[in-house]
Amino acid sequence: MRDFTGKRYWLVGASEGLGLALARKLSAAGAELILSARSEDALAKAVASLPGKATALPVDVGATASFEAAAAELGDLDGIVFLAGVYWPMQAQEWDARAAEAMANVNFTGCIRVIGAVLPAMVAKGQGHIVITGSLSGFRGLPGAIGYAASKAGTMVLAESLYADLRKTGIAVQLANPGFIRTRLTAKNDFSMPFIMEPEAAADIMFRHMQSRRFKVSFPAPFSWLFRGSQFLPDALYYRMFPPRP
């Protein structure tokens, strides 16, 4: 089981929701945390709520200048958890180029920026811990998920490629694919969200995964079976199961 005592972890996207719930668990486990998000006020409140040592580092991972300035202040790290994300429901018939590009830029390209800032140092010292948050929506295309599902599929493949390259080194790579979590993002949905989880319950699963040596976890388990199994279905059957939304 992985020990977090005295380890320095950078949590990106940790001012609320799953990120903050996970930060509380890591802090209680003895980790020293750097919390990042766009809102300075929200970060200050998040840091104040933690039981252990933590600092706030405001950053917009979707803006290169903001990110480069923040990355220069990081110092030595033992681990990174990428949780940042933006989301707008979108059908192809209602294409919003600005929103689609924002989801790609924050959810996927933002992840690339973060990994690029920490990976070279980890490779140089031969140790580190990288955790990437994907989504059940990233397993296969879904109606009404233009932008978001594609961006999450990108982060999932990025994690898989990192794991393929680094699994025989001292750098641990892990991927967590949650389903619906009750946050301000899912509050935008006007449809039923099966198996929706509270952030604390999702953080508990993710924290236990981080303690393990496994590469990937997809949850909640019963809901994940549908998405993982869908990869083996023929197109005709899959798209019949997920018809276009009215």
C-alpha atoms as a PDB file:
ATOM      1  CA  MET A   1       0.000   0.000   0.000  1.00  0.00           C
ATOM      2  CA  ARG A   2       1.351   3.428  -0.950  1.00  0.00           C
ATOM      3  CA  ASP A   3       2.334   5.717   1.939  1.00  0.00           C
ATOM      4  CA  PHE A   4       1.603   9.434   1.465  1.00  0.00           C
ATOM      5  CA  THR A   5       3.279  10.678   4.641  1.00  0.00           C
ATOM      6  CA  GLY A   6       5.505  13.660   3.872  1.00  0.00           C
ATOM      7  CA  LYS A   7       4.983  13.365   0.103  1.00  0.00           C
ATOM      8  CA  ARG A   8       4.376  16.493  -1.975  1.00  0.00           C
ATOM      9  CA  TYR A   9       1.393  16.208  -4.318  1.00  0.00           C
ATOM     10  CA  TRP A  10       0.065  18.758  -6.792  1.00  0.00           C
ATOM     11  CA  LEU A  11      -3.712  18.527  -7.253  1.00  0.00           C
ATOM     12  CA  VAL A  12      -4.941  20.413 -10.308  1.00  0.00           C
ATOM     13  CA  GLY A  13      -8.649  21.182 -10.181  1.00  0.00           C
ATOM     14  CA  ALA A  14      -9.003  20.863  -6.415  1.00  0.00           C
ATOM     15  CA  SER A  15     -10.991  23.865  -5.172  1.00  0.00           C
ATOM     16  CA  GLU A  16     -14.316  21.989  -5.012  1.00  0.00           C
ATOM     17  CA  GLY A  17     -16.108  18.740  -5.801  1.00  0.00           C
ATOM     18  CA  LEU A  18     -14.099  15.561  -6.316  1.00  0.00           C
ATOM     19  CA  GLY A  19     -10.781  17.416  -6.235  1.00  0.00           C
ATOM     20  CA  LEU A  20     -11.374  18.978  -2.835  1.00  0.00           C
ATOM     21  CA  ALA A  21     -12.808  15.753  -1.397  1.00  0.00           C
ATOM     22  CA  LEU A  22      -9.706  13.884  -2.551  1.00  0.00           C
ATOM     23  CA  ALA A  23      -7.437  16.624  -1.181  1.00  0.00           C
ATOM     24  CA  ARG A  24      -8.979  16.131   2.267  1.00  0.00           C
ATOM     25  CA  LYS A  25      -8.207  12.424   2.165  1.00  0.00           C
ATOM     26  CA  LEU A  26      -4.618  12.922   1.017  1.00  0.00           C
ATOM     27  CA  SER A  27      -4.059  15.664   3.589  1.00  0.00           C
ATOM     28  CA  ALA A  28      -5.390  13.436   6.369  1.00  0.00           C
ATOM     29  CA  ALA A  29      -3.009  10.721   5.141  1.00  0.00           C
ATOM     30  CA  GLY A  30      -0.039  13.024   5.726  1.00  0.00           C
ATOM     31  CA  ALA A  31       0.639  14.406   2.267  1.00  0.00           C
ATOM     32  CA  GLU A  32       1.798  17.988   1.718  1.00  0.00           C
ATOM     33  CA  LEU A  33      -0.465  19.452  -0.951  1.00  0.00           C
ATOM     34  CA  ILE A  34      -0.359  22.158  -3.594  1.00  0.00           C
ATOM     35  CA  LEU A  35      -3.907  22.939  -4.716  1.00  0.00           C
ATOM     36  CA  SER A  36      -4.554  24.578  -8.068  1.00  0.00           C
ATOM     37  CA  ALA A  37      -7.649  25.980  -9.757  1.00  0.00           C
ATOM     38  CA  ARG A  38      -8.625  29.293 -11.306  1.00  0.00           C
ATOM     39  CA  SER A  39     -10.381  30.901  -8.335  1.00  0.00           C
ATOM     40  CA  GLU A  40      -8.047  32.342  -5.682  1.00  0.00           C
ATOM     41  CA  ASP A  41     -10.894  32.731  -3.177  1.00  0.00           C
ATOM     42  CA  ALA A  42     -12.086  29.153  -3.602  1.00  0.00           C
ATOM     43  CA  LEU A  43      -8.529  27.860  -3.276  1.00  0.00           C
ATOM     44  CA  ALA A  44      -7.953  29.831  -0.075  1.00  0.00           C
ATOM     45  CA  LYS A  45     -11.090  28.298   1.455  1.00  0.00           C
ATOM     46  CA  ALA A  46     -10.066  24.845   0.273  1.00  0.00           C
ATOM     47  CA  VAL A  47      -6.585  25.122   1.794  1.00  0.00           C
ATOM     48  CA  ALA A  48      -8.044  26.382   5.091  1.00  0.00           C
ATOM     49  CA  SER A  49     -10.322  23.325   5.268  1.00  0.00           C
ATOM     50  CA  LEU A  50      -7.465  20.803   5.142  1.00  0.00           C
ATOM     51  CA  PRO A  51      -5.990  19.201   8.242  1.00  0.00           C
ATOM     52  CA  GLY A  52      -2.402  19.153   6.984  1.00  0.00           C
ATOM     53  CA  LYS A  53       0.129  21.384   5.242  1.00  0.00           C
ATOM     54  CA  ALA A  54      -1.140  22.854   1.972  1.00  0.00           C
ATOM     55  CA  THR A  55      -0.596  25.855  -0.272  1.00  0.00           C
ATOM     56  CA  ALA A  56      -2.716  27.457  -2.977  1.00  0.00           C
ATOM     57  CA  LEU A  57      -1.350  27.961  -6.483  1.00  0.00           C
ATOM     58  CA  PRO A  58      -3.915  29.637  -8.747  1.00  0.00           C
ATOM     59  CA  VAL A  59      -3.640  28.574 -12.362  1.00  0.00           C
ATOM     60  CA  ASP A  60      -5.708  28.342 -15.529  1.00  0.00           C
ATOM     61  CA  VAL A  61      -4.484  25.193 -17.289  1.00  0.00           C
ATOM     62  CA  GLY A  62      -6.227  26.374 -20.437  1.00  0.00           C
ATOM     63  CA  ALA A  63      -4.003  29.469 -20.691  1.00  0.00           C
ATOM     64  CA  THR A  64      -0.338  28.837 -21.480  1.00  0.00           C
ATOM     65  CA  ALA A  65       1.004  32.020 -19.849  1.00  0.00           C
ATOM     66  CA  SER A  66      -0.901  31.395 -16.596  1.00  0.00           C
ATOM     67  CA  PHE A  67       0.218  27.809 -16.511  1.00  0.00           C
ATOM     68  CA  GLU A  68       3.902  28.523 -17.185  1.00  0.00           C
ATOM     69  CA  ALA A  69       4.001  31.120 -14.401  1.00  0.00           C
ATOM     70  CA  ALA A  70       2.469  28.683 -11.916  1.00  0.00           C
ATOM     71  CA  ALA A  71       4.616  25.723 -12.973  1.00  0.00           C
ATOM     72  CA  ALA A  72       7.763  27.733 -12.278  1.00  0.00           C
ATOM     73  CA  GLU A  73       6.800  27.868  -8.573  1.00  0.00           C
ATOM     74  CA  LEU A  74       6.194  24.143  -8.038  1.00  0.00           C
ATOM     75  CA  GLY A  75       9.516  22.878  -6.760  1.00  0.00           C
ATOM     76  CA  ASP A  76      10.146  19.164  -6.256  1.00  0.00           C
ATOM     77  CA  LEU A  77       7.067  16.904  -6.421  1.00  0.00           C
ATOM     78  CA  ASP A  78       6.356  13.313  -5.544  1.00  0.00           C
ATOM     79  CA  GLY A  79       3.023  13.159  -7.326  1.00  0.00           C
ATOM     80  CA  ILE A  80       0.453  14.905  -9.512  1.00  0.00           C
ATOM     81  CA  VAL A  81      -3.318  14.393  -9.740  1.00  0.00           C
ATOM     82  CA  PHE A  82      -5.075  15.956 -12.716  1.00  0.00           C
ATOM     83  CA  LEU A  83      -8.757  16.636 -11.959  1.00  0.00           C
ATOM     84  CA  ALA A  84      -9.425  19.860 -13.875  1.00  0.00           C
ATOM     85  CA  GLY A  85     -12.340  19.903 -16.244  1.00  0.00           C
ATOM     86  CA  VAL A  86     -15.027  22.011 -17.888  1.00  0.00           C
ATOM     87  CA  TYR A  87     -18.280  20.747 -19.338  1.00  0.00           C
ATOM     88  CA  TRP A  88     -21.259  21.917 -21.336  1.00  0.00           C
ATOM     89  CA  PRO A  89     -23.903  19.513 -22.709  1.00  0.00           C
ATOM     90  CA  MET A  90     -23.815  19.774 -26.488  1.00  0.00           C
ATOM     91  CA  GLN A  91     -25.427  18.054 -29.439  1.00  0.00           C
ATOM     92  CA  ALA A  92     -23.948  18.205 -32.925  1.00  0.00           C
ATOM     93  CA  GLN A  93     -27.065  20.071 -34.077  1.00  0.00           C
ATOM     94  CA  GLU A  94     -26.275  22.833 -31.573  1.00  0.00           C
ATOM     95  CA  TRP A  95     -22.527  23.069 -32.109  1.00  0.00           C
ATOM     96  CA  ASP A  96     -20.832  25.716 -29.974  1.00  0.00           C
ATOM     97  CA  ALA A  97     -17.280  26.085 -31.256  1.00  0.00           C
ATOM     98  CA  ARG A  98     -16.110  28.134 -28.267  1.00  0.00           C
ATOM     99  CA  ALA A  99     -17.397  25.592 -25.729  1.00  0.00           C
ATOM    100  CA  ALA A 100     -16.087  22.603 -27.705  1.00  0.00           C
ATOM    101  CA  GLU A 101     -12.631  24.175 -27.957  1.00  0.00           C
ATOM    102  CA  ALA A 102     -12.648  25.071 -24.245  1.00  0.00           C
ATOM    103  CA  MET A 103     -13.406  21.459 -23.287  1.00  0.00           C
ATOM    104  CA  ALA A 104     -10.576  20.207 -25.478  1.00  0.00           C
ATOM    105  CA  ASN A 105      -8.187  22.892 -24.234  1.00  0.00           C
ATOM    106  CA  VAL A 106      -8.803  22.402 -20.512  1.00  0.00           C
ATOM    107  CA  ASN A 107      -9.722  18.725 -20.224  1.00  0.00           C
ATOM    108  CA  PHE A 108      -7.173  17.283 -22.658  1.00  0.00           C
ATOM    109  CA  THR A 109      -4.556  19.849 -23.670  1.00  0.00           C
ATOM    110  CA  GLY A 110      -4.516  21.150 -20.092  1.00  0.00           C
ATOM    111  CA  CYS A 111      -3.641  17.643 -18.945  1.00  0.00           C
ATOM    112  CA  ILE A 112      -0.791  17.542 -21.468  1.00  0.00           C
ATOM    113  CA  ARG A 113       0.510  20.868 -20.127  1.00  0.00           C
ATOM    114  CA  VAL A 114       0.462  19.594 -16.550  1.00  0.00           C
ATOM    115  CA  ILE A 115       2.152  16.291 -17.338  1.00  0.00           C
ATOM    116  CA  GLY A 116       4.778  18.098 -19.401  1.00  0.00           C
ATOM    117  CA  ALA A 117       5.605  20.310 -16.428  1.00  0.00           C
ATOM    118  CA  VAL A 118       6.294  17.446 -14.004  1.00  0.00           C
ATOM    119  CA  LEU A 119       7.296  14.395 -16.033  1.00  0.00           C
ATOM    120  CA  PRO A 120      10.864  15.360 -17.050  1.00  0.00           C
ATOM    121  CA  ALA A 121      11.914  15.814 -13.411  1.00  0.00           C
ATOM    122  CA  MET A 122      10.290  12.495 -12.455  1.00  0.00           C
ATOM    123  CA  VAL A 123      12.096  10.723 -15.296  1.00  0.00           C
ATOM    124  CA  ALA A 124      15.388  12.321 -14.236  1.00  0.00           C
ATOM    125  CA  LYS A 125      15.123  11.039 -10.654  1.00  0.00           C
ATOM    126  CA  GLY A 126      13.446   7.759 -11.623  1.00  0.00           C
ATOM    127  CA  GLN A 127      10.398   8.051  -9.407  1.00  0.00           C
ATOM    128  CA  GLY A 128       7.017   9.741  -9.220  1.00  0.00           C
ATOM    129  CA  HIS A 129       3.260   9.222  -9.215  1.00  0.00           C
ATOM    130  CA  ILE A 130       0.929  10.457 -11.967  1.00  0.00           C
ATOM    131  CA  VAL A 131      -2.853  10.179 -11.599  1.00  0.00           C
ATOM    132  CA  ILE A 132      -5.177  11.232 -14.431  1.00  0.00           C
ATOM    133  CA  THR A 133      -8.962  11.577 -14.194  1.00  0.00           C
ATOM    134  CA  GLY A 134     -10.813  10.271 -17.215  1.00  0.00           C
ATOM    135  CA  SER A 135     -14.540   9.495 -17.432  1.00  0.00           C
ATOM    136  CA  LEU A 136     -16.900   6.668 -18.282  1.00  0.00           C
ATOM    137  CA  SER A 137     -18.005   8.926 -21.149  1.00  0.00           C
ATOM    138  CA  GLY A 138     -14.583   8.494 -22.749  1.00  0.00           C
ATOM    139  CA  PHE A 139     -14.978   4.824 -23.632  1.00  0.00           C
ATOM    140  CA  ARG A 140     -17.137   5.441 -26.706  1.00  0.00           C
ATOM    141  CA  GLY A 141     -19.018   8.281 -28.390  1.00  0.00           C
ATOM    142  CA  LEU A 142     -22.299   9.335 -26.768  1.00  0.00           C
ATOM    143  CA  PRO A 143     -25.227  11.504 -27.887  1.00  0.00           C
ATOM    144  CA  GLY A 144     -25.143  15.041 -26.500  1.00  0.00           C
ATOM    145  CA  ALA A 145     -21.485  14.717 -25.465  1.00  0.00           C
ATOM    146  CA  ILE A 146     -19.727  16.609 -28.257  1.00  0.00           C
ATOM    147  CA  GLY A 147     -16.486  18.000 -26.886  1.00  0.00           C
ATOM    148  CA  TYR A 148     -16.561  16.453 -23.418  1.00  0.00           C
ATOM    149  CA  ALA A 149     -16.492  12.766 -24.342  1.00  0.00           C
ATOM    150  CA  ALA A 150     -13.789  13.363 -26.948  1.00  0.00           C
ATOM    151  CA  SER A 151     -11.629  15.326 -24.515  1.00  0.00           C
ATOM    152  CA  LYS A 152     -11.940  12.612 -21.866  1.00  0.00           C
ATOM    153  CA  ALA A 153     -11.125   9.902 -24.397  1.00  0.00           C
ATOM    154  CA  GLY A 154      -7.942  11.853 -25.098  1.00  0.00           C
ATOM    155  CA  THR A 155      -6.925  11.961 -21.437  1.00  0.00           C
ATOM    156  CA  MET A 156      -7.602   8.237 -21.077  1.00  0.00           C
ATOM    157  CA  VAL A 157      -5.434   7.318 -24.055  1.00  0.00           C
ATOM    158  CA  LEU A 158      -2.751   9.697 -22.773  1.00  0.00           C
ATOM    159  CA  ALA A 159      -2.737   7.825 -19.452  1.00  0.00           C
ATOM    160  CA  GLU A 160      -2.582   4.479 -21.253  1.00  0.00           C
ATOM    161  CA  SER A 161       0.381   5.606 -23.343  1.00  0.00           C
ATOM    162  CA  LEU A 162       2.193   6.961 -20.280  1.00  0.00           C
ATOM    163  CA  TYR A 163       1.602   3.667 -18.493  1.00  0.00           C
ATOM    164  CA  ALA A 164       2.877   1.700 -21.498  1.00  0.00           C
ATOM    165  CA  ASP A 165       6.131   3.674 -21.477  1.00  0.00           C
ATOM    166  CA  LEU A 166       6.666   3.994 -17.723  1.00  0.00           C
ATOM    167  CA  ARG A 167       5.300   0.805 -16.154  1.00  0.00           C
ATOM    168  CA  LYS A 168       8.762  -0.769 -15.800  1.00  0.00           C
ATOM    169  CA  THR A 169      10.238   2.376 -14.227  1.00  0.00           C
ATOM    170  CA  GLY A 170       9.892   3.959 -10.804  1.00  0.00           C
ATOM    171  CA  ILE A 171       7.099   6.228 -12.066  1.00  0.00           C
ATOM    172  CA  ALA A 172       3.598   4.963 -11.260  1.00  0.00           C
ATOM    173  CA  VAL A 173       0.813   5.985 -13.648  1.00  0.00           C
ATOM    174  CA  GLN A 174      -2.850   5.558 -12.711  1.00  0.00           C
ATOM    175  CA  LEU A 175      -6.164   6.337 -14.386  1.00  0.00           C
ATOM    176  CA  ALA A 176      -9.529   6.862 -12.682  1.00  0.00           C
ATOM    177  CA  ASN A 177     -12.725   6.915 -14.768  1.00  0.00           C
ATOM    178  CA  PRO A 178     -15.723   8.102 -12.728  1.00  0.00           C
ATOM    179  CA  GLY A 179     -19.329   8.214 -13.802  1.00  0.00           C
ATOM    180  CA  PHE A 180     -21.728  10.964 -12.735  1.00  0.00           C
ATOM    181  CA  ILE A 181     -20.634  12.940  -9.653  1.00  0.00           C
ATOM    182  CA  ARG A 182     -22.890  15.542  -8.075  1.00  0.00           C
ATOM    183  CA  THR A 183     -21.110  18.846  -8.864  1.00  0.00           C
ATOM    184  CA  ARG A 184     -21.872  22.184 -10.484  1.00  0.00           C
ATOM    185  CA  LEU A 185     -20.933  20.565 -13.828  1.00  0.00           C
ATOM    186  CA  THR A 186     -23.462  17.735 -13.685  1.00  0.00           C
ATOM    187  CA  ALA A 187     -26.045  20.265 -12.451  1.00  0.00           C
ATOM    188  CA  LYS A 188     -26.132  21.439 -16.081  1.00  0.00           C
ATOM    189  CA  ASN A 189     -27.679  18.150 -17.205  1.00  0.00           C
ATOM    190  CA  ASP A 190     -31.425  17.941 -17.738  1.00  0.00           C
ATOM    191  CA  PHE A 191     -31.547  14.136 -18.016  1.00  0.00           C
ATOM    192  CA  SER A 192     -31.518  11.254 -15.539  1.00  0.00           C
ATOM    193  CA  MET A 193     -28.021  10.401 -14.272  1.00  0.00           C
ATOM    194  CA  PRO A 194     -27.918   6.763 -13.118  1.00  0.00           C
ATOM    195  CA  PHE A 195     -25.716   5.870 -10.145  1.00  0.00           C
ATOM    196  CA  ILE A 196     -24.811   9.524  -9.487  1.00  0.00           C
ATOM    197  CA  MET A 197     -22.301   9.754  -6.629  1.00  0.00           C
ATOM    198  CA  GLU A 198     -21.494  12.351  -4.008  1.00  0.00           C
ATOM    199  CA  PRO A 199     -17.941  13.774  -4.308  1.00  0.00           C
ATOM    200  CA  GLU A 200     -16.894  12.187  -1.006  1.00  0.00           C
ATOM    201  CA  ALA A 201     -17.904   8.692  -2.132  1.00  0.00           C
ATOM    202  CA  ALA A 202     -16.071   9.114  -5.434  1.00  0.00           C
ATOM    203  CA  ALA A 203     -12.994  10.464  -3.629  1.00  0.00           C
ATOM    204  CA  ASP A 204     -12.963   7.419  -1.357  1.00  0.00           C
ATOM    205  CA  ILE A 205     -12.771   5.098  -4.377  1.00  0.00           C
ATOM    206  CA  MET A 206     -10.114   7.232  -6.028  1.00  0.00           C
ATOM    207  CA  PHE A 207      -8.025   7.445  -2.843  1.00  0.00           C
ATOM    208  CA  ARG A 208      -8.124   3.686  -2.378  1.00  0.00           C
ATOM    209  CA  HIS A 209      -7.072   3.302  -6.013  1.00  0.00           C
ATOM    210  CA  MET A 210      -4.129   5.655  -5.432  1.00  0.00           C
ATOM    211  CA  GLN A 211      -3.057   3.502  -2.472  1.00  0.00           C
ATOM    212  CA  SER A 212      -3.028   0.430  -4.711  1.00  0.00           C
ATOM    213  CA  ARG A 213      -0.616  -0.640  -7.453  1.00  0.00           C
ATOM    214  CA  ARG A 214      -3.338  -1.073 -10.079  1.00  0.00           C
ATOM    215  CA  PHE A 215      -3.335   1.014 -13.233  1.00  0.00           C
ATOM    216  CA  LYS A 216      -7.021   1.695 -13.823  1.00  0.00           C
ATOM    217  CA  VAL A 217     -10.310   1.926 -11.985  1.00  0.00           C
ATOM    218  CA  SER A 218     -13.718   2.691 -13.509  1.00  0.00           C
ATOM    219  CA  PHE A 219     -16.630   3.414 -11.192  1.00  0.00           C
ATOM    220  CA  PRO A 220     -19.279   2.984  -9.943  1.00  0.00           C
ATOM    221  CA  ALA A 221     -18.689  -0.650 -10.908  1.00  0.00           C
ATOM    222  CA  PRO A 222     -22.196  -1.667 -12.113  1.00  0.00           C
ATOM    223  CA  PHE A 223     -22.466   1.453 -14.301  1.00  0.00           C
ATOM    224  CA  SER A 224     -18.938   1.035 -15.632  1.00  0.00           C
ATOM    225  CA  TRP A 225     -19.724  -2.445 -16.941  1.00  0.00           C
ATOM    226  CA  LEU A 226     -22.097  -0.903 -19.471  1.00  0.00           C
ATOM    227  CA  PHE A 227     -19.455   1.459 -20.852  1.00  0.00           C
ATOM    228  CA  ARG A 228     -16.564  -0.971 -20.808  1.00  0.00           C
ATOM    229  CA  GLY A 229     -18.690  -3.661 -22.401  1.00  0.00           C
ATOM    230  CA  SER A 230     -19.907  -1.265 -25.091  1.00  0.00           C
ATOM    231  CA  GLN A 231     -16.455  -1.329 -26.681  1.00  0.00           C
ATOM    232  CA  PHE A 232     -17.136  -4.875 -27.831  1.00  0.00           C
ATOM    233  CA  LEU A 233     -20.604  -4.219 -29.266  1.00  0.00           C
ATOM    234  CA  PRO A 234     -21.185  -3.850 -33.026  1.00  0.00           C
ATOM    235  CA  ASP A 235     -22.117  -0.333 -34.113  1.00  0.00           C
ATOM    236  CA  ALA A 236     -25.702  -1.259 -35.011  1.00  0.00           C
ATOM    237  CA  LEU A 237     -26.412  -2.541 -31.506  1.00  0.00           C
ATOM    238  CA  TYR A 238     -24.457   0.147 -29.656  1.00  0.00           C
ATOM    239  CA  TYR A 239     -26.170   3.104 -31.342  1.00  0.00           C
ATOM    240  CA  ARG A 240     -29.553   1.472 -30.829  1.00  0.00           C
ATOM    241  CA  MET A 241     -28.803   1.446 -27.094  1.00  0.00           C
ATOM    242  CA  PHE A 242     -27.834   5.141 -27.140  1.00  0.00           C
ATOM    243  CA  PRO A 243     -30.289   6.862 -29.512  1.00  0.00           C
ATOM    244  CA  PRO A 244     -30.060  10.596 -30.282  1.00  0.00           C
ATOM    245  CA  ARG A 245     -31.601  12.845 -27.670  1.00  0.00           C
ATOM    246  CA  PRO A 246     -34.766  14.675 -28.756  1.00  0.00           C
END
